[in-house]
Amino acid sequence: MNALAQHRNAIVAVLASVPQIGVVQDRERHAASDAELAALFTYTPPAAGTAHVRGWWLRRSSTAEHGSSTARTVSVHQWTLHGYLAIADTQASELLLDDLVEQFRALVRADPTLGGACQPGPLAGSDDSTDGVQVLRAEPVDFAGVRCHSVVLQLRTWSYL
């Protein structure tokens, strides 16, 4: 398995380890109808919860390759993660999504190598020094015919060639 696939699998595994995170897809999913797409992201919480859209997908959005001063080449993969949670205002669903995001961010902060799948990032001060999970955007959207909270996260992973 190549480094890119290892990084993808590790991100999916860490995200899926967050309790009640919902459905985690390893890529953007497509379907012929909104109902079919919603079914791919439908989650039923434990303890007799109601099934609703609560899911994630990710994409490698870019890769940059850099030579370093130690004669090693590094590939920097930038990942974009998209999360959706059906709006349930009486259940403070926006706050729930924020909490899920913060749990994921804490896991990555505690183990930036994602279980050893990727290398530690560069030292602070370099062009690629952003550490951890960045929250790029959070807003309500219509996803698969359902009004949802949406969040877009960004994460960089490194591998030395």
Protein backbone atom coordinates (compact mmCIF):
# COMPACT_ATOMS: atom_id res chain seq x y z
CA MET A 1 0.00 0.00 0.00
CA ASN A 2 1.42 3.40 -0.92
CA ALA A 3 1.88 6.24 1.57
CA LEU A 4 -1.15 8.14 0.31
CA ALA A 5 -3.45 5.17 0.92
CA GLN A 6 -1.88 4.61 4.35
CA HIS A 7 -2.52 8.23 5.29
CA ARG A 8 -6.13 8.07 4.04
CA ASN A 9 -6.81 4.87 6.00
CA ALA A 10 -5.24 6.34 9.14
CA ILE A 11 -7.32 9.53 8.94
CA VAL A 12 -10.49 7.48 8.45
CA ALA A 13 -9.59 5.26 11.43
CA VAL A 14 -8.87 8.18 13.76
CA LEU A 15 -12.03 10.03 12.72
CA ALA A 16 -14.13 6.86 13.09
CA SER A 17 -12.73 6.36 16.61
CA VAL A 18 -14.51 9.48 17.88
CA PRO A 19 -17.58 8.21 19.77
CA GLN A 20 -20.81 8.85 17.87
CA ILE A 21 -18.98 10.61 15.01
CA GLY A 22 -21.39 9.05 12.52
CA VAL A 23 -20.68 7.39 9.19
CA VAL A 24 -17.15 7.93 7.89
CA GLN A 25 -16.62 7.47 4.16
CA ASP A 26 -13.09 7.26 2.74
CA ARG A 27 -14.02 9.37 -0.28
CA GLU A 28 -16.72 11.65 -1.61
CA ARG A 29 -19.78 9.55 -2.33
CA HIS A 30 -22.30 10.08 -5.12
CA ALA A 31 -25.76 8.65 -5.69
CA ALA A 32 -28.56 8.93 -8.23
CA SER A 33 -30.93 10.63 -5.78
CA ASP A 34 -30.87 12.68 -2.60
CA ALA A 35 -32.51 9.79 -0.74
CA GLU A 36 -29.79 7.37 -1.84
CA LEU A 37 -27.07 9.85 -0.90
CA ALA A 38 -28.66 10.50 2.50
CA ALA A 39 -28.76 6.74 3.11
CA LEU A 40 -24.96 6.60 2.68
CA PHE A 41 -24.60 9.07 5.58
CA THR A 42 -27.47 8.00 7.84
CA TYR A 43 -26.49 7.20 11.40
CA THR A 44 -28.52 5.92 14.32
CA PRO A 45 -27.02 6.85 17.69
CA PRO A 46 -26.89 4.17 20.38
CA ALA A 47 -29.48 4.24 23.16
CA ALA A 48 -32.53 4.39 20.91
CA GLY A 49 -31.61 7.50 18.95
CA THR A 50 -33.38 8.57 15.78
CA ALA A 51 -31.69 7.88 12.45
CA HIS A 52 -30.44 11.07 10.79
CA VAL A 53 -27.71 12.38 8.50
CA ARG A 54 -24.42 12.41 10.41
CA GLY A 55 -21.44 11.66 8.25
CA TRP A 56 -18.04 12.53 6.87
CA TRP A 57 -15.97 12.14 3.74
CA LEU A 58 -12.45 13.17 2.86
CA ARG A 59 -10.33 13.98 -0.15
CA ARG A 60 -6.67 14.52 -0.78
CA SER A 61 -6.93 18.07 -2.05
CA SER A 62 -3.27 18.58 -2.94
CA THR A 63 0.21 17.13 -2.71
CA ALA A 64 3.44 19.09 -2.78
CA GLU A 65 6.86 17.53 -3.01
CA HIS A 66 9.85 19.31 -1.50
CA GLY A 67 13.55 18.55 -1.30
CA SER A 68 15.04 19.17 2.11
CA SER A 69 18.46 20.21 3.36
CA THR A 70 19.15 16.62 4.44
CA ALA A 71 18.90 15.36 0.85
CA ARG A 72 15.53 13.74 1.56
CA THR A 73 12.37 14.49 -0.33
CA VAL A 74 9.12 15.01 1.52
CA SER A 75 5.57 14.72 0.17
CA VAL A 76 3.08 16.96 1.93
CA HIS A 77 -0.50 15.79 1.44
CA GLN A 78 -3.27 18.23 2.23
CA TRP A 79 -6.59 16.61 3.16
CA THR A 80 -10.01 18.20 3.19
CA LEU A 81 -12.63 16.59 5.42
CA HIS A 82 -16.33 17.38 5.10
CA GLY A 83 -18.74 16.71 7.95
CA TYR A 84 -22.54 16.93 8.00
CA LEU A 85 -25.06 16.71 10.83
CA ALA A 86 -28.80 17.10 10.34
CA ILE A 87 -30.02 20.21 12.11
CA ALA A 88 -32.03 19.48 15.25
CA ASP A 89 -32.24 22.84 17.00
CA THR A 90 -33.98 21.56 20.13
CA GLN A 91 -31.07 19.12 20.60
CA ALA A 92 -28.40 21.83 20.10
CA SER A 93 -27.03 19.94 17.10
CA GLU A 94 -24.61 22.73 16.19
CA LEU A 95 -22.91 22.34 19.57
CA LEU A 96 -22.78 18.57 19.11
CA LEU A 97 -20.96 18.97 15.79
CA ASP A 98 -18.52 21.41 17.39
CA ASP A 99 -17.82 18.86 20.13
CA LEU A 100 -17.24 16.05 17.63
CA VAL A 101 -14.80 18.26 15.71
CA GLU A 102 -12.91 19.14 18.88
CA GLN A 103 -12.65 15.47 19.87
CA PHE A 104 -11.11 14.66 16.47
CA ARG A 105 -8.74 17.62 16.70
CA ALA A 106 -7.61 16.44 20.15
CA LEU A 107 -6.89 12.92 18.86
CA VAL A 108 -4.76 14.24 16.01
CA ARG A 109 -2.99 16.67 18.35
CA ALA A 110 -2.18 13.77 20.72
CA ASP A 111 -0.80 11.62 17.87
CA PRO A 112 0.11 13.68 14.79
CA THR A 113 1.60 10.58 13.11
CA LEU A 114 -1.88 8.99 13.13
CA GLY A 115 -0.68 5.79 14.71
CA GLY A 116 2.64 5.84 12.88
CA ALA A 117 1.12 5.98 9.39
CA CYS A 118 2.77 9.30 8.55
CA GLN A 119 5.85 11.23 9.57
CA PRO A 120 5.99 14.17 11.95
CA GLY A 121 5.60 17.52 10.21
CA PRO A 122 8.40 20.03 9.77
CA LEU A 123 9.67 22.31 12.47
CA ALA A 124 7.76 25.49 13.18
CA GLY A 125 8.67 28.36 10.91
CA SER A 126 8.72 26.43 7.65
CA ASP A 127 6.16 26.95 4.90
CA ASP A 128 4.32 23.76 5.89
CA SER A 129 4.31 24.33 9.63
CA THR A 130 0.54 24.26 10.22
CA ASP A 131 -0.02 21.61 12.85
CA GLY A 132 -3.11 19.57 13.53
CA VAL A 133 -6.61 19.93 12.19
CA GLN A 134 -7.71 23.35 10.94
CA VAL A 135 -11.39 24.37 10.83
CA LEU A 136 -11.85 26.17 7.52
CA ARG A 137 -15.59 26.69 7.46
CA ALA A 138 -18.73 25.89 9.44
CA GLU A 139 -22.14 26.79 8.09
CA PRO A 140 -25.62 25.41 7.41
CA VAL A 141 -26.09 23.70 4.03
CA ASP A 142 -28.55 21.53 2.18
CA PHE A 143 -26.94 18.09 1.86
CA ALA A 144 -28.75 15.18 0.23
CA GLY A 145 -32.04 17.03 0.58
CA VAL A 146 -31.54 17.55 4.33
CA ARG A 147 -30.80 20.85 6.10
CA CYS A 148 -27.50 20.21 7.90
CA HIS A 149 -24.73 21.82 9.84
CA SER A 150 -21.59 21.50 7.75
CA VAL A 151 -17.95 21.75 8.67
CA VAL A 152 -14.87 21.68 6.44
CA LEU A 153 -11.60 20.67 8.07
CA GLN A 154 -8.06 20.62 6.73
CA LEU A 155 -5.18 18.40 7.77
CA ARG A 156 -1.67 17.93 6.39
CA THR A 157 0.27 14.68 6.45
CA TRP A 158 3.93 14.13 5.60
CA SER A 159 5.90 11.25 4.17
CA TYR A 160 9.61 11.13 3.38
CA LEU A 161 10.61 9.50 0.12
